[in-house]
Amino acid sequence: MVGRFFKFLPVRAIMVIQAAGDYTEMLTADGGKGLTLKSMKEWETRLPQQHFVRIHRSTIVNMDFIERVEPWFNYSFRIYIKGVKEPLVISRRYATRLKDKLG
């Protein structure tokens, strides 16, 4: 198979996981990207909760890579991740979870 391979990553290397249709896309600390056939719910239950938090129904972040969180539009927030150019949006629903973990 051309262009398809398996790579094992340490969990601490995962910065962001985002829903991508039936797949999820991972962004890693070394700037890499990868697709896997796991649901967001499966990631949420398997990842260590002391390091990972769901910030949106389609996004999970590794708290070790959070640079800053700032208020945004309509009681939502933007979160900046080290090495990621565009900020991610934290929905109001998940903002409380993040506050509790950063607490």
C-alpha atoms as a PDB file:
ATOM      1  CA  MET A   1       0.000   0.000   0.000  1.00  0.00           C
ATOM      2  CA  VAL A   2       1.477   3.298  -1.043  1.00  0.00           C
ATOM      3  CA  GLY A   3       1.209   6.156   1.448  1.00  0.00           C
ATOM      4  CA  ARG A   4      -0.339   4.050   4.224  1.00  0.00           C
ATOM      5  CA  PHE A   5       1.559   2.855   7.259  1.00  0.00           C
ATOM      6  CA  PHE A   6       1.179   2.369  10.965  1.00  0.00           C
ATOM      7  CA  LYS A   7       3.125   4.387  13.465  1.00  0.00           C
ATOM      8  CA  PHE A   8       3.041   3.977  17.212  1.00  0.00           C
ATOM      9  CA  LEU A   9       3.105   7.232  19.155  1.00  0.00           C
ATOM     10  CA  PRO A  10       3.629   7.886  22.816  1.00  0.00           C
ATOM     11  CA  VAL A  11       0.412   9.399  24.185  1.00  0.00           C
ATOM     12  CA  ARG A  12       2.336  12.434  25.437  1.00  0.00           C
ATOM     13  CA  ALA A  13       3.253  13.266  21.793  1.00  0.00           C
ATOM     14  CA  ILE A  14      -0.397  13.824  20.817  1.00  0.00           C
ATOM     15  CA  MET A  15      -1.338  17.529  20.952  1.00  0.00           C
ATOM     16  CA  VAL A  16      -4.821  17.615  19.389  1.00  0.00           C
ATOM     17  CA  ILE A  17      -7.364  15.065  18.189  1.00  0.00           C
ATOM     18  CA  GLN A  18     -10.161  16.251  15.899  1.00  0.00           C
ATOM     19  CA  ALA A  19     -13.107  14.496  14.297  1.00  0.00           C
ATOM     20  CA  ALA A  20     -12.739  13.934  10.546  1.00  0.00           C
ATOM     21  CA  GLY A  21     -15.856  12.148   9.336  1.00  0.00           C
ATOM     22  CA  ASP A  22     -15.631   8.478  10.349  1.00  0.00           C
ATOM     23  CA  TYR A  23     -11.975   9.041  11.301  1.00  0.00           C
ATOM     24  CA  THR A  24     -10.097  11.181  13.768  1.00  0.00           C
ATOM     25  CA  GLU A  25      -7.062  13.279  12.905  1.00  0.00           C
ATOM     26  CA  MET A  26      -4.169  13.602  15.337  1.00  0.00           C
ATOM     27  CA  LEU A  27      -1.703  16.483  15.438  1.00  0.00           C
ATOM     28  CA  THR A  28       1.568  15.558  17.098  1.00  0.00           C
ATOM     29  CA  ALA A  29       4.293  17.502  18.880  1.00  0.00           C
ATOM     30  CA  ASP A  30       6.737  16.890  16.020  1.00  0.00           C
ATOM     31  CA  GLY A  31       4.367  18.594  13.549  1.00  0.00           C
ATOM     32  CA  GLY A  32       3.014  15.346  12.147  1.00  0.00           C
ATOM     33  CA  LYS A  33      -0.570  14.446  11.307  1.00  0.00           C
ATOM     34  CA  GLY A  34      -2.292  11.114  11.159  1.00  0.00           C
ATOM     35  CA  LEU A  35      -5.716   9.592  10.612  1.00  0.00           C
ATOM     36  CA  THR A  36      -7.154   6.717  12.580  1.00  0.00           C
ATOM     37  CA  LEU A  37     -10.465   4.915  12.640  1.00  0.00           C
ATOM     38  CA  LYS A  38     -11.373   5.699  16.255  1.00  0.00           C
ATOM     39  CA  SER A  39     -14.352   7.691  17.462  1.00  0.00           C
ATOM     40  CA  MET A  40     -14.023  10.760  19.662  1.00  0.00           C
ATOM     41  CA  LYS A  41     -15.843   8.851  22.420  1.00  0.00           C
ATOM     42  CA  GLU A  42     -13.268   6.040  22.229  1.00  0.00           C
ATOM     43  CA  TRP A  43     -10.386   8.524  22.472  1.00  0.00           C
ATOM     44  CA  GLU A  44     -12.049  10.272  25.387  1.00  0.00           C
ATOM     45  CA  THR A  45     -12.387   7.046  27.368  1.00  0.00           C
ATOM     46  CA  ARG A  46      -8.893   5.709  26.544  1.00  0.00           C
ATOM     47  CA  LEU A  47      -6.728   8.805  27.059  1.00  0.00           C
ATOM     48  CA  PRO A  48      -5.417   9.729  30.527  1.00  0.00           C
ATOM     49  CA  GLN A  49      -7.865  12.286  31.907  1.00  0.00           C
ATOM     50  CA  GLN A  50      -5.199  14.147  33.852  1.00  0.00           C
ATOM     51  CA  HIS A  51      -3.624  15.239  30.532  1.00  0.00           C
ATOM     52  CA  PHE A  52      -6.441  15.346  27.981  1.00  0.00           C
ATOM     53  CA  VAL A  53      -9.695  17.301  27.912  1.00  0.00           C
ATOM     54  CA  ARG A  54     -12.487  17.515  25.399  1.00  0.00           C
ATOM     55  CA  ILE A  55     -13.034  21.162  24.436  1.00  0.00           C
ATOM     56  CA  HIS A  56     -15.654  20.647  21.738  1.00  0.00           C
ATOM     57  CA  ARG A  57     -17.725  17.755  20.477  1.00  0.00           C
ATOM     58  CA  SER A  58     -15.156  17.399  17.694  1.00  0.00           C
ATOM     59  CA  THR A  59     -11.896  18.245  19.560  1.00  0.00           C
ATOM     60  CA  ILE A  60      -9.748  16.828  22.367  1.00  0.00           C
ATOM     61  CA  VAL A  61      -6.535  18.574  23.456  1.00  0.00           C
ATOM     62  CA  ASN A  62      -3.501  17.615  25.501  1.00  0.00           C
ATOM     63  CA  MET A  63      -3.383  20.157  28.338  1.00  0.00           C
ATOM     64  CA  ASP A  64       0.434  20.046  28.358  1.00  0.00           C
ATOM     65  CA  PHE A  65       0.401  21.940  25.032  1.00  0.00           C
ATOM     66  CA  ILE A  66      -2.028  24.732  25.976  1.00  0.00           C
ATOM     67  CA  GLU A  67      -0.373  28.151  25.681  1.00  0.00           C
ATOM     68  CA  ARG A  68      -3.347  30.298  26.652  1.00  0.00           C
ATOM     69  CA  VAL A  69      -7.121  30.513  26.776  1.00  0.00           C
ATOM     70  CA  GLU A  70      -8.998  33.730  26.063  1.00  0.00           C
ATOM     71  CA  PRO A  71     -12.653  34.817  26.021  1.00  0.00           C
ATOM     72  CA  TRP A  72     -14.202  34.988  22.600  1.00  0.00           C
ATOM     73  CA  PHE A  73     -17.663  35.328  21.106  1.00  0.00           C
ATOM     74  CA  ASN A  74     -20.982  34.450  22.807  1.00  0.00           C
ATOM     75  CA  TYR A  75     -19.502  33.042  26.049  1.00  0.00           C
ATOM     76  CA  SER A  76     -17.145  30.722  24.189  1.00  0.00           C
ATOM     77  CA  PHE A  77     -13.345  30.776  24.374  1.00  0.00           C
ATOM     78  CA  ARG A  78     -10.375  30.353  22.098  1.00  0.00           C
ATOM     79  CA  ILE A  79      -7.532  28.091  23.058  1.00  0.00           C
ATOM     80  CA  TYR A  80      -4.013  28.429  21.682  1.00  0.00           C
ATOM     81  CA  ILE A  81      -1.931  25.272  21.326  1.00  0.00           C
ATOM     82  CA  LYS A  82       1.883  25.355  21.070  1.00  0.00           C
ATOM     83  CA  GLY A  83       2.917  24.904  17.448  1.00  0.00           C
ATOM     84  CA  VAL A  84      -0.615  25.274  16.024  1.00  0.00           C
ATOM     85  CA  LYS A  85      -1.172  28.521  14.097  1.00  0.00           C
ATOM     86  CA  GLU A  86      -4.949  28.813  14.364  1.00  0.00           C
ATOM     87  CA  PRO A  87      -6.664  28.874  17.772  1.00  0.00           C
ATOM     88  CA  LEU A  88      -9.319  26.276  18.557  1.00  0.00           C
ATOM     89  CA  VAL A  89     -12.781  27.163  19.833  1.00  0.00           C
ATOM     90  CA  ILE A  90     -13.992  25.868  23.186  1.00  0.00           C
ATOM     91  CA  SER A  91     -17.741  25.579  23.293  1.00  0.00           C
ATOM     92  CA  ARG A  92     -19.566  26.859  26.364  1.00  0.00           C
ATOM     93  CA  ARG A  93     -20.582  23.308  27.164  1.00  0.00           C
ATOM     94  CA  TYR A  94     -16.971  22.177  27.540  1.00  0.00           C
ATOM     95  CA  ALA A  95     -15.466  25.376  28.998  1.00  0.00           C
ATOM     96  CA  THR A  96     -16.448  24.355  32.523  1.00  0.00           C
ATOM     97  CA  ARG A  97     -14.609  21.037  32.174  1.00  0.00           C
ATOM     98  CA  LEU A  98     -11.445  22.810  31.105  1.00  0.00           C
ATOM     99  CA  LYS A  99     -11.708  25.345  33.945  1.00  0.00           C
ATOM    100  CA  ASP A 100     -12.106  22.511  36.461  1.00  0.00           C
ATOM    101  CA  LYS A 101      -9.026  20.713  35.137  1.00  0.00           C
ATOM    102  CA  LEU A 102      -6.864  23.828  34.972  1.00  0.00           C
ATOM    103  CA  GLY A 103      -8.241  24.917  38.256  1.00  0.00           C
END
